[in-house]
Protein backbone atom coordinates (compact mmCIF):
# COMPACT_ATOMS: atom_id res chain seq x y z
CA MET A 1 0.00 0.00 0.00
CA ILE A 2 1.46 3.35 -1.06
CA ASP A 3 1.05 6.15 1.50
CA PRO A 4 -1.45 8.63 -0.03
CA LYS A 5 0.13 11.60 1.72
CA ILE A 6 3.13 11.52 -0.64
CA PHE A 7 0.87 12.91 -3.40
CA LYS A 8 1.31 16.66 -2.90
CA ALA A 9 -0.24 19.71 -4.57
CA TYR A 10 2.62 20.11 -7.06
CA ASP A 11 4.63 16.88 -6.97
CA ILE A 12 5.23 13.58 -5.15
CA ARG A 13 7.42 13.70 -2.04
CA GLY A 14 8.05 11.46 0.93
CA ILE A 15 10.63 10.12 3.36
CA TYR A 16 12.85 7.39 1.93
CA PRO A 17 12.44 4.43 2.34
CA THR A 18 9.36 4.40 4.62
CA GLU A 19 7.03 6.57 2.51
CA ILE A 20 8.68 6.38 -0.89
CA ASN A 21 10.90 3.51 -2.07
CA GLU A 22 11.86 1.43 -5.10
CA ALA A 23 8.70 -0.70 -5.07
CA ALA A 24 6.43 2.34 -4.74
CA ILE A 25 8.19 4.37 -7.39
CA TYR A 26 8.01 1.51 -9.92
CA ILE A 27 4.21 1.52 -9.57
CA ILE A 28 4.02 5.32 -9.62
CA ALA A 29 6.11 5.49 -12.81
CA LYS A 30 3.68 3.06 -14.48
CA ALA A 31 0.81 5.29 -13.32
CA PHE A 32 2.49 8.31 -14.93
CA TYR A 33 2.89 6.35 -18.17
CA THR A 34 -0.85 5.61 -18.06
CA LEU A 35 -1.70 9.28 -17.45
CA PHE A 36 0.68 10.48 -20.17
CA CYS A 37 -0.91 8.10 -22.70
CA ARG A 38 -4.41 9.29 -21.80
CA ARG A 39 -3.61 12.99 -21.86
CA LEU A 40 -1.36 13.00 -24.93
CA LYS A 41 -3.57 10.45 -26.73
CA LYS A 42 -0.63 8.30 -27.79
CA ASN A 43 1.36 5.45 -26.28
CA ASN A 44 4.63 5.49 -28.22
CA LEU A 45 6.12 8.04 -25.84
CA THR A 46 9.54 9.64 -25.48
CA VAL A 47 10.07 10.30 -21.75
CA VAL A 48 12.97 12.31 -20.33
CA VAL A 49 14.32 10.93 -17.03
CA GLY A 50 16.66 12.95 -14.81
CA GLY A 51 17.50 13.21 -11.14
CA ASP A 52 19.22 15.14 -8.37
CA MET A 53 22.16 14.28 -6.09
CA ARG A 54 20.18 12.70 -3.23
CA LEU A 55 21.57 9.40 -1.98
CA SER A 56 18.42 7.48 -2.91
CA THR A 57 18.10 9.00 -6.40
CA PRO A 58 20.19 6.41 -8.34
CA SER A 59 18.17 3.40 -7.12
CA LEU A 60 14.83 5.20 -7.50
CA SER A 61 15.80 6.38 -10.98
CA GLU A 62 16.63 2.80 -12.00
CA GLN A 63 13.15 1.67 -10.98
CA VAL A 64 11.51 4.51 -12.90
CA LYS A 65 13.47 3.51 -16.00
CA LYS A 66 12.66 -0.18 -15.48
CA ALA A 67 8.93 0.62 -15.21
CA LEU A 68 8.99 2.77 -18.34
CA VAL A 69 10.96 0.21 -20.35
CA ASP A 70 8.41 -2.41 -19.27
CA CYS A 71 5.74 -0.05 -20.67
CA GLY A 72 7.53 0.14 -24.02
CA VAL A 73 8.71 3.73 -23.64
CA GLU A 74 11.74 5.32 -25.29
CA ILE A 75 13.59 6.84 -22.35
CA ILE A 76 15.87 9.83 -22.85
CA ASP A 77 18.25 9.53 -19.90
CA ILE A 78 19.83 12.92 -19.12
CA GLY A 79 21.36 11.79 -15.82
CA LEU A 80 22.21 14.19 -13.00
CA VAL A 81 20.50 17.54 -13.73
CA SER A 82 18.78 20.47 -12.08
CA THR A 83 15.01 20.63 -12.47
CA PRO A 84 15.15 23.65 -14.86
CA THR A 85 17.60 21.80 -17.13
CA PHE A 86 15.23 18.82 -17.04
CA TYR A 87 12.37 21.11 -18.15
CA PHE A 88 14.60 22.62 -20.83
CA ALA A 89 15.41 19.20 -22.29
CA ILE A 90 11.74 18.27 -22.70
CA ARG A 91 10.76 21.55 -24.31
CA HIS A 92 13.86 22.31 -26.38
CA TYR A 93 14.19 18.88 -27.99
CA ASN A 94 10.39 18.44 -28.12
CA TYR A 95 10.08 15.19 -26.16
CA ASP A 96 6.63 14.09 -24.98
CA CYS A 97 7.03 14.24 -21.21
CA GLY A 98 9.43 13.73 -18.34
CA ILE A 99 10.02 12.42 -14.82
CA GLN A 100 12.57 14.05 -12.51
CA ILE A 101 13.65 12.27 -9.32
CA SER A 102 14.02 15.04 -6.74
CA ALA A 103 12.65 16.38 -3.48
CA SER A 104 13.72 19.96 -4.22
CA HIS A 105 14.75 21.79 -1.02
CA ASN A 106 13.43 19.16 1.42
CA PRO A 107 15.78 17.63 4.02
CA LYS A 108 18.07 14.72 3.07
CA GLU A 109 15.61 12.02 4.22
CA TYR A 110 13.19 12.91 1.41
CA ASN A 111 12.90 12.10 -2.27
CA GLY A 112 10.18 12.32 -4.86
CA ILE A 113 9.03 12.94 -8.42
CA LYS A 114 8.26 15.98 -10.53
CA ALA A 115 6.46 15.07 -13.75
CA VAL A 116 5.57 17.16 -16.78
CA MET A 117 3.92 16.80 -20.18
CA ASN A 118 4.84 18.74 -23.31
CA THR A 119 1.87 20.29 -25.11
CA PRO A 120 1.62 22.83 -27.96
CA GLU A 121 0.87 25.56 -25.39
CA GLY A 122 3.83 24.66 -23.18
CA LEU A 123 4.82 22.32 -20.36
CA VAL A 124 2.08 21.02 -18.05
CA LYS A 125 3.32 20.21 -14.56
CA ILE A 126 1.40 17.34 -13.00
CA GLY A 127 -0.18 18.74 -9.84
CA LYS A 128 -3.44 18.88 -7.95
CA ASN A 129 -5.48 20.33 -10.83
CA THR A 130 -3.54 18.75 -13.69
CA GLY A 131 -3.60 15.01 -13.00
CA MET A 132 -2.27 14.24 -9.51
CA ASP A 133 -5.66 12.98 -8.30
CA GLU A 134 -5.83 10.75 -11.38
CA ILE A 135 -2.35 9.38 -10.56
CA LYS A 136 -3.60 8.46 -7.07
CA GLU A 137 -6.60 6.69 -8.60
CA ILE A 138 -4.46 4.77 -11.11
CA VAL A 139 -2.05 3.68 -8.35
CA ALA A 140 -4.97 2.55 -6.15
CA SER A 141 -6.59 0.61 -9.02
CA GLY A 142 -3.39 -1.15 -10.11
CA VAL A 143 -4.63 -0.96 -13.71
CA PHE A 144 -2.03 0.52 -16.04
CA GLY A 145 -1.82 1.35 -19.73
CA LEU A 146 -0.85 -1.49 -22.06
CA PRO A 147 2.81 -1.62 -23.15
CA SER A 148 3.38 0.05 -26.52
CA GLY A 149 6.16 -2.31 -27.57
CA LYS A 150 9.75 -2.85 -26.56
CA GLY A 151 11.19 -0.01 -24.53
CA LYS A 152 14.71 1.36 -24.82
CA ILE A 153 17.04 3.80 -23.08
CA THR A 154 19.00 6.47 -24.95
CA GLN A 155 21.65 8.47 -23.10
CA LYS A 156 21.64 12.16 -24.03
CA ALA A 157 24.70 14.31 -23.38
CA GLY A 158 25.27 18.05 -23.79
CA VAL A 159 21.88 19.16 -22.43
CA LEU A 160 23.28 21.62 -19.86
CA GLU A 161 25.56 23.23 -22.46
CA ASP A 162 22.57 23.69 -24.78
CA ASP A 163 20.59 25.13 -21.85
CA VAL A 164 23.25 27.81 -21.25
CA THR A 165 23.57 28.60 -24.98
CA ASN A 166 19.82 29.01 -25.26
CA ALA A 167 19.71 31.39 -22.28
CA PHE A 168 22.32 33.62 -23.96
CA GLU A 169 20.20 33.67 -27.13
CA ILE A 170 17.07 34.72 -25.20
CA ILE A 171 18.62 37.23 -22.77
CA LYS A 172 21.02 38.75 -25.35
CA PRO A 173 23.38 40.17 -22.72
CA GLY A 174 25.79 42.98 -23.55
CA LYS A 175 29.42 42.73 -22.50
CA ILE A 176 29.47 41.17 -19.03
CA LYS A 177 32.01 42.89 -16.78
CA PRO A 178 34.59 40.93 -14.72
CA LEU A 179 32.36 41.02 -11.66
CA THR A 180 33.14 39.23 -8.40
CA ILE A 181 30.37 36.77 -7.57
CA VAL A 182 29.96 34.51 -4.52
CA ALA A 183 27.62 31.53 -4.96
CA ASP A 184 26.38 28.93 -2.46
CA PRO A 185 24.27 26.11 -3.97
CA ALA A 186 24.37 24.18 -0.65
CA ASN A 187 26.00 21.05 -2.16
CA ALA A 188 22.99 20.71 -4.46
CA MET A 189 22.08 20.88 -8.14
CA GLY A 190 22.58 24.63 -8.61
CA SER A 191 26.33 24.01 -8.76
CA THR A 192 25.90 22.27 -12.14
CA PHE A 193 24.45 25.25 -13.98
CA LEU A 194 26.53 27.80 -12.07
CA ASN A 195 29.72 26.07 -13.24
CA ALA A 196 28.43 25.79 -16.82
CA LEU A 197 27.30 29.43 -16.97
CA PHE A 198 30.36 31.04 -15.37
CA ALA A 199 32.68 28.98 -17.60
CA ARG A 200 31.50 31.34 -20.37
CA LEU A 201 31.80 34.59 -18.40
CA PRO A 202 34.76 36.79 -17.38
CA CYS A 203 33.50 36.98 -13.78
CA LYS A 204 35.43 35.78 -10.75
CA LEU A 205 33.26 33.05 -9.20
CA ILE A 206 33.93 32.32 -5.53
CA ARG A 207 32.46 28.90 -4.81
CA MET A 208 30.89 27.87 -1.50
CA ASN A 209 29.56 24.31 -1.01
CA PHE A 210 29.76 23.33 -4.68
CA GLU A 211 30.49 19.61 -4.18
CA LEU A 212 27.35 17.57 -4.84
CA ASP A 213 26.41 15.83 -1.59
CA GLY A 214 22.96 14.43 -0.87
CA THR A 215 23.55 14.64 2.88
CA PHE A 216 23.56 18.48 2.68
CA PRO A 217 26.59 18.82 5.00
CA SER A 218 26.66 22.64 4.93
CA HIS A 219 23.01 23.57 5.44
CA GLN A 220 19.56 22.86 4.02
CA ALA A 221 19.26 23.94 0.38
CA ASP A 222 16.34 26.30 0.97
CA PRO A 223 17.19 29.99 0.44
CA LEU A 224 13.66 30.98 1.48
CA GLN A 225 14.82 30.07 5.01
CA PHE A 226 16.96 33.16 5.32
CA ASP A 227 19.12 31.74 8.13
CA THR A 228 20.67 29.41 5.50
CA LEU A 229 22.05 32.52 3.73
CA LYS A 230 24.06 33.95 6.65
CA ASP A 231 27.42 32.49 5.57
CA LEU A 232 26.88 33.66 2.00
CA GLN A 233 25.94 37.17 3.16
CA LYS A 234 29.08 37.34 5.30
CA ARG A 235 31.30 36.05 2.47
CA VAL A 236 29.93 38.61 -0.01
CA ILE A 237 31.00 41.40 2.35
CA GLU A 238 34.39 39.80 3.11
CA GLU A 239 35.22 39.35 -0.58
CA LYS A 240 33.90 42.82 -1.50
CA ALA A 241 31.82 40.96 -4.08
CA ASP A 242 29.32 42.54 -6.45
CA LEU A 243 26.65 39.88 -5.93
CA GLY A 244 25.76 36.68 -4.08
CA ILE A 245 23.74 33.84 -5.60
CA ALA A 246 21.80 31.12 -3.73
CA PRO A 247 19.82 28.46 -5.65
CA ASP A 248 17.65 25.90 -3.85
CA GLY A 249 18.13 22.12 -3.84
CA ASP A 250 16.96 21.32 -7.36
CA GLY A 251 17.80 24.73 -8.79
CA ASP A 252 14.32 26.00 -9.69
CA ARG A 253 14.37 28.81 -7.10
CA ILE A 254 17.04 31.43 -6.68
CA PHE A 255 17.82 34.32 -4.36
CA PHE A 256 20.38 37.11 -4.74
CA ILE A 257 22.45 39.05 -2.20
CA ASP A 258 23.58 42.64 -2.86
CA GLU A 259 27.13 43.93 -2.27
CA LYS A 260 26.18 45.02 1.27
CA GLY A 261 25.21 41.45 2.17
CA GLU A 262 21.48 42.21 2.11
CA ILE A 263 18.99 39.66 0.75
CA ILE A 264 17.17 41.03 -2.30
CA PRO A 265 13.42 40.32 -2.08
CA ALA A 266 12.38 38.01 -4.91
CA SER A 267 9.69 40.49 -6.00
CA ILE A 268 12.41 43.10 -6.63
CA THR A 269 14.46 40.54 -8.56
CA THR A 270 11.31 39.98 -10.64
CA ALA A 271 10.97 43.74 -11.15
CA ILE A 272 14.60 44.10 -12.29
CA ILE A 273 14.19 41.23 -14.75
CA ILE A 274 10.93 42.74 -16.07
CA ARG A 275 12.63 46.09 -16.63
CA GLU A 276 15.58 44.53 -18.46
CA LEU A 277 13.42 42.28 -20.64
CA LEU A 278 11.22 45.19 -21.71
CA LYS A 279 14.30 46.99 -23.08
CA LYS A 280 14.87 44.07 -25.47
CA TYR A 281 11.31 42.85 -25.96
CA PRO A 282 9.04 45.96 -25.88
CA GLY A 283 5.39 45.50 -24.98
CA ILE A 284 5.63 41.92 -23.69
CA LYS A 285 3.23 40.52 -21.08
CA VAL A 286 4.86 39.80 -17.72
CA GLY A 287 3.48 38.17 -14.58
CA PHE A 288 4.00 38.18 -10.82
CA ASP A 289 2.11 36.61 -7.94
CA THR A 290 -0.38 38.37 -5.72
CA ARG A 291 1.71 38.34 -2.51
CA TYR A 292 3.83 41.39 -3.42
CA ILE A 293 2.89 43.28 -6.57
CA TRP A 294 4.02 46.90 -6.28
CA SER A 295 7.70 46.56 -7.29
CA PRO A 296 7.06 44.44 -10.42
CA LEU A 297 3.97 46.53 -11.27
CA LYS A 298 6.09 49.70 -11.13
CA ALA A 299 8.72 48.13 -13.42
CA ALA A 300 6.11 46.94 -15.92
CA LYS A 301 4.24 50.28 -16.05
CA GLU A 302 7.36 52.47 -16.26
CA ASN A 303 8.66 50.40 -19.18
CA ASP A 304 5.40 49.97 -21.11
CA GLY A 305 4.94 46.28 -20.36
CA ILE A 306 1.63 44.53 -19.87
CA PRO A 307 1.38 43.33 -16.23
CA VAL A 308 -0.60 40.24 -15.19
CA ILE A 309 -1.13 39.33 -11.52
CA THR A 310 -1.13 35.55 -10.99
CA LYS A 311 -2.14 33.02 -8.38
CA ILE A 312 0.56 31.51 -6.15
CA GLY A 313 2.21 28.15 -6.85
CA HIS A 314 4.42 26.96 -9.68
CA ALA A 315 1.88 24.71 -11.45
CA LEU A 316 -0.71 27.53 -11.37
CA ILE A 317 1.76 30.12 -12.66
CA THR A 318 2.92 27.83 -15.47
CA GLU A 319 -0.76 27.41 -16.39
CA THR A 320 -1.20 31.22 -16.41
CA MET A 321 1.92 31.54 -18.58
CA HIS A 322 0.10 29.54 -21.27
CA LYS A 323 -3.33 31.14 -20.90
CA GLU A 324 -2.07 34.72 -20.88
CA ASN A 325 0.89 34.17 -23.25
CA LEU A 326 3.33 35.66 -20.73
CA PHE A 327 6.94 36.13 -21.81
CA TYR A 328 8.15 35.95 -18.19
CA ALA A 329 6.77 35.64 -14.66
CA GLY A 330 8.43 35.85 -11.26
CA GLU A 331 7.21 34.50 -7.94
CA SER A 332 7.89 35.83 -4.43
CA SER A 333 9.34 32.44 -3.46
CA GLY A 334 12.21 32.81 -5.96
CA HIS A 335 10.85 30.98 -9.02
CA ASN A 336 11.41 32.58 -12.45
CA TYR A 337 9.25 31.33 -15.34
CA TRP A 338 9.93 31.81 -19.04
CA LYS A 339 7.96 31.36 -22.25
CA PHE A 340 11.00 29.83 -23.98
CA ALA A 341 11.07 27.14 -21.26
CA GLY A 342 7.46 26.18 -21.95
CA GLY A 343 6.30 28.29 -19.01
CA ALA A 344 8.68 26.55 -16.60
CA GLU A 345 11.67 27.86 -14.65
CA SER A 346 15.11 28.87 -15.89
CA SER A 347 17.47 30.04 -13.17
CA ILE A 348 20.26 30.44 -15.75
CA ALA A 349 18.22 33.07 -17.61
CA ALA A 350 17.46 34.88 -14.34
CA ILE A 351 21.14 34.98 -13.30
CA LEU A 352 22.25 36.13 -16.75
CA THR A 353 19.70 38.98 -16.70
CA ILE A 354 20.91 40.21 -13.30
CA LEU A 355 24.57 40.02 -14.40
CA ASP A 356 23.69 41.93 -17.57
CA THR A 357 22.00 44.63 -15.46
CA LEU A 358 25.04 44.96 -13.19
CA SER A 359 27.34 45.15 -16.20
CA THR A 360 25.43 47.77 -18.18
CA GLU A 361 24.46 50.10 -15.32
CA ASN A 362 27.18 52.04 -13.58
CA ARG A 363 25.67 51.33 -10.17
CA THR A 364 25.95 48.83 -7.35
CA MET A 365 23.35 46.10 -6.86
CA SER A 366 21.94 47.84 -3.78
CA GLN A 367 21.47 51.07 -5.76
CA ILE A 368 19.67 49.15 -8.53
CA VAL A 369 17.44 47.50 -5.89
CA GLU A 370 16.45 50.83 -4.29
CA ASP A 371 15.73 52.41 -7.68
CA THR A 372 13.52 49.44 -8.59
CA ARG A 373 11.73 49.15 -5.24
CA GLY A 374 7.99 49.82 -5.27
CA SER A 375 7.30 48.83 -1.66
CA TYR A 376 8.64 47.48 1.61
CA GLU A 377 7.55 43.92 2.42
CA SER A 378 6.65 42.25 5.70
CA GLY A 379 7.81 38.76 4.82
CA GLU A 380 5.24 35.98 5.07
CA VAL A 381 3.70 35.43 8.51
CA ASN A 382 1.90 32.13 9.21
CA PHE A 383 -0.98 31.63 11.64
CA LYS A 384 -1.99 28.13 12.73
CA LEU A 385 -5.70 27.59 13.38
CA ASN A 386 -7.60 24.53 14.61
CA THR A 387 -9.74 23.76 11.57
CA VAL A 388 -10.03 24.63 7.87
CA GLU A 389 -13.46 26.13 8.67
CA GLU A 390 -11.77 28.62 10.99
CA THR A 391 -9.47 29.79 8.20
CA THR A 392 -12.48 30.41 5.94
CA LYS A 393 -14.25 32.37 8.69
CA LYS A 394 -11.17 34.52 9.32
CA ILE A 395 -10.88 35.41 5.64
CA GLU A 396 -14.58 36.37 5.56
CA LEU A 397 -14.06 38.49 8.69
CA PHE A 398 -11.16 40.33 7.03
CA LYS A 399 -13.19 40.77 3.84
CA GLU A 400 -15.89 42.57 5.83
CA LYS A 401 -13.45 44.56 7.99
CA PHE A 402 -11.51 45.91 4.99
CA LYS A 403 -14.38 46.31 2.52
CA ASP A 404 -13.47 49.99 1.99
CA GLY A 405 -10.30 48.87 0.17
CA LYS A 406 -9.95 47.51 -3.36
CA ILE A 407 -10.67 43.78 -2.98
CA SER A 408 -9.39 40.90 -5.13
CA LEU A 409 -10.24 37.23 -4.58
CA LEU A 410 -7.80 35.92 -7.21
CA ASP A 411 -5.89 33.91 -4.59
CA GLY A 412 -7.20 34.21 -1.06
CA LEU A 413 -8.04 37.81 -0.15
CA SER A 414 -6.04 40.80 -1.39
CA VAL A 415 -6.97 44.31 -0.28
CA ASP A 416 -5.31 47.43 -1.71
CA TYR A 417 -5.25 50.95 -0.29
CA ASP A 418 -3.29 53.92 -1.65
CA ASP A 419 -0.26 53.44 0.58
CA TRP A 420 -0.48 49.80 1.74
CA ARG A 421 -1.97 46.43 0.82
CA PHE A 422 -2.13 42.85 2.08
CA ASN A 423 -2.79 39.32 0.87
CA LEU A 424 -4.28 36.70 3.21
CA ARG A 425 -4.68 33.15 1.97
CA ALA A 426 -5.25 29.67 3.34
CA SER A 427 -2.78 26.80 3.00
CA ASN A 428 -3.75 24.01 0.58
CA THR A 429 -2.82 21.28 3.04
CA GLU A 430 -3.46 22.39 6.64
CA PRO A 431 -5.49 24.89 8.74
CA LEU A 432 -2.99 27.69 8.24
CA LEU A 433 -3.34 31.31 7.14
CA ARG A 434 -0.49 33.12 5.37
CA LEU A 435 -0.25 36.90 5.62
CA ASN A 436 1.82 39.22 3.42
CA VAL A 437 1.83 43.01 3.79
CA GLU A 438 3.52 45.69 1.69
CA SER A 439 3.48 49.48 1.88
CA LYS A 440 5.28 52.60 0.70
CA ASN A 441 7.47 52.82 3.83
CA ILE A 442 9.05 50.42 6.34
CA GLU A 443 7.26 51.87 9.38
CA LEU A 444 3.79 51.50 7.87
CA THR A 445 4.52 47.93 6.76
CA GLU A 446 5.55 46.99 10.30
CA LYS A 447 2.55 48.79 11.81
CA LYS A 448 0.05 47.05 9.51
CA LYS A 449 1.73 43.67 9.96
CA ILE A 450 1.33 43.94 13.75
CA GLU A 451 -2.24 45.23 13.44
CA LEU A 452 -3.34 42.39 11.14
CA SER A 453 -1.38 39.78 13.10
CA ASN A 454 -3.18 40.79 16.29
CA MET A 455 -6.52 40.43 14.52
CA LEU A 456 -5.56 36.95 13.31
CA ALA A 457 -4.39 35.98 16.79
CA ASN A 458 -7.70 37.28 18.24
CA LYS A 459 -5.96 39.93 20.31
């Protein structure tokens, strides 16, 4: 019996080997084959298989490949890759679909699967609204699609190099200066594309924790937990570096540090990228999630772009990329999505854009950040409640309390006033409310965060 709780909103994840193991993943891979055949209306599939550096990845990957060969699939084995490079391979070479063995930024005990399909509109990530429930049903039934013939495995080399080349073609950077960059991928997959990218640049790259190690000996590979960035922040200052770079475990999220050692909010990174892209691609549509909108909105409006506010969550944003024909979208959690990547992430393109900005503007990163800033952010504050019903009641209470503001129900509750705004939304998986506040000055942001937090805590 496979533990149903490993089927998450955006992927499959569990503790190895108690929740996810070789026997389970063999069955799950067959279920994905069945789903792929149904959705793509064909059974002679080409499926890309990749994986991260976790200790359990090699044995789990072997079982995925065994299951797919048993189903008659042609497997394109791209080996050890970041998740964005995995996405790139499917889209760029026009394969049908893919399975990546990874648990992203989760602790070392975890592993899992990210699965995608390639469609004319772009990549479709298998998540809660795009097939994950069907995967659970197929696994429970034990009834899988019929084999399409004799399967085979083809090794594909050179994917990462093509990924970097493609990013240069899209971003079209000017002459990159010999900047000093400190990067800390936390012994995880970001080191692969950082090495490949900086091999083509005149920058001095100072490497921290670049050796791939699935035990994460330095720290957890989750830059959204800002305490994991302390050593990087310190090193940027010590080295008098121009920039710090911190990818997450599988490389699909990225955070930057300015020359003063300050963490750059992801929404401001999004705004900088929007501004730079609009110089090269005038009038494009760009997206950003509803948590923090004022910095990217400012960048889009000042540079004649078409802004689109999106829901939160990578599968939902990828879906919006297709529906709205967005060229680029950024998320407050550090994801950067691109049309050329089928609506999926490319951290290489994000890094290259920031380096291009630093090289062409005669200013420091902190000066660029302040010029781009449209607001001051609270950071996300979580409130645990007893039941899901309580979270719904709280949101309704806030809706009534702040009805004099401009209300949006795109994702949870967003309320805008002239000088401040907030987003309050419920967790998908537990009775939890998430609050984000932004305003035109630091003091007001702090004041409103405390005021709303007290309301949520019933004070």
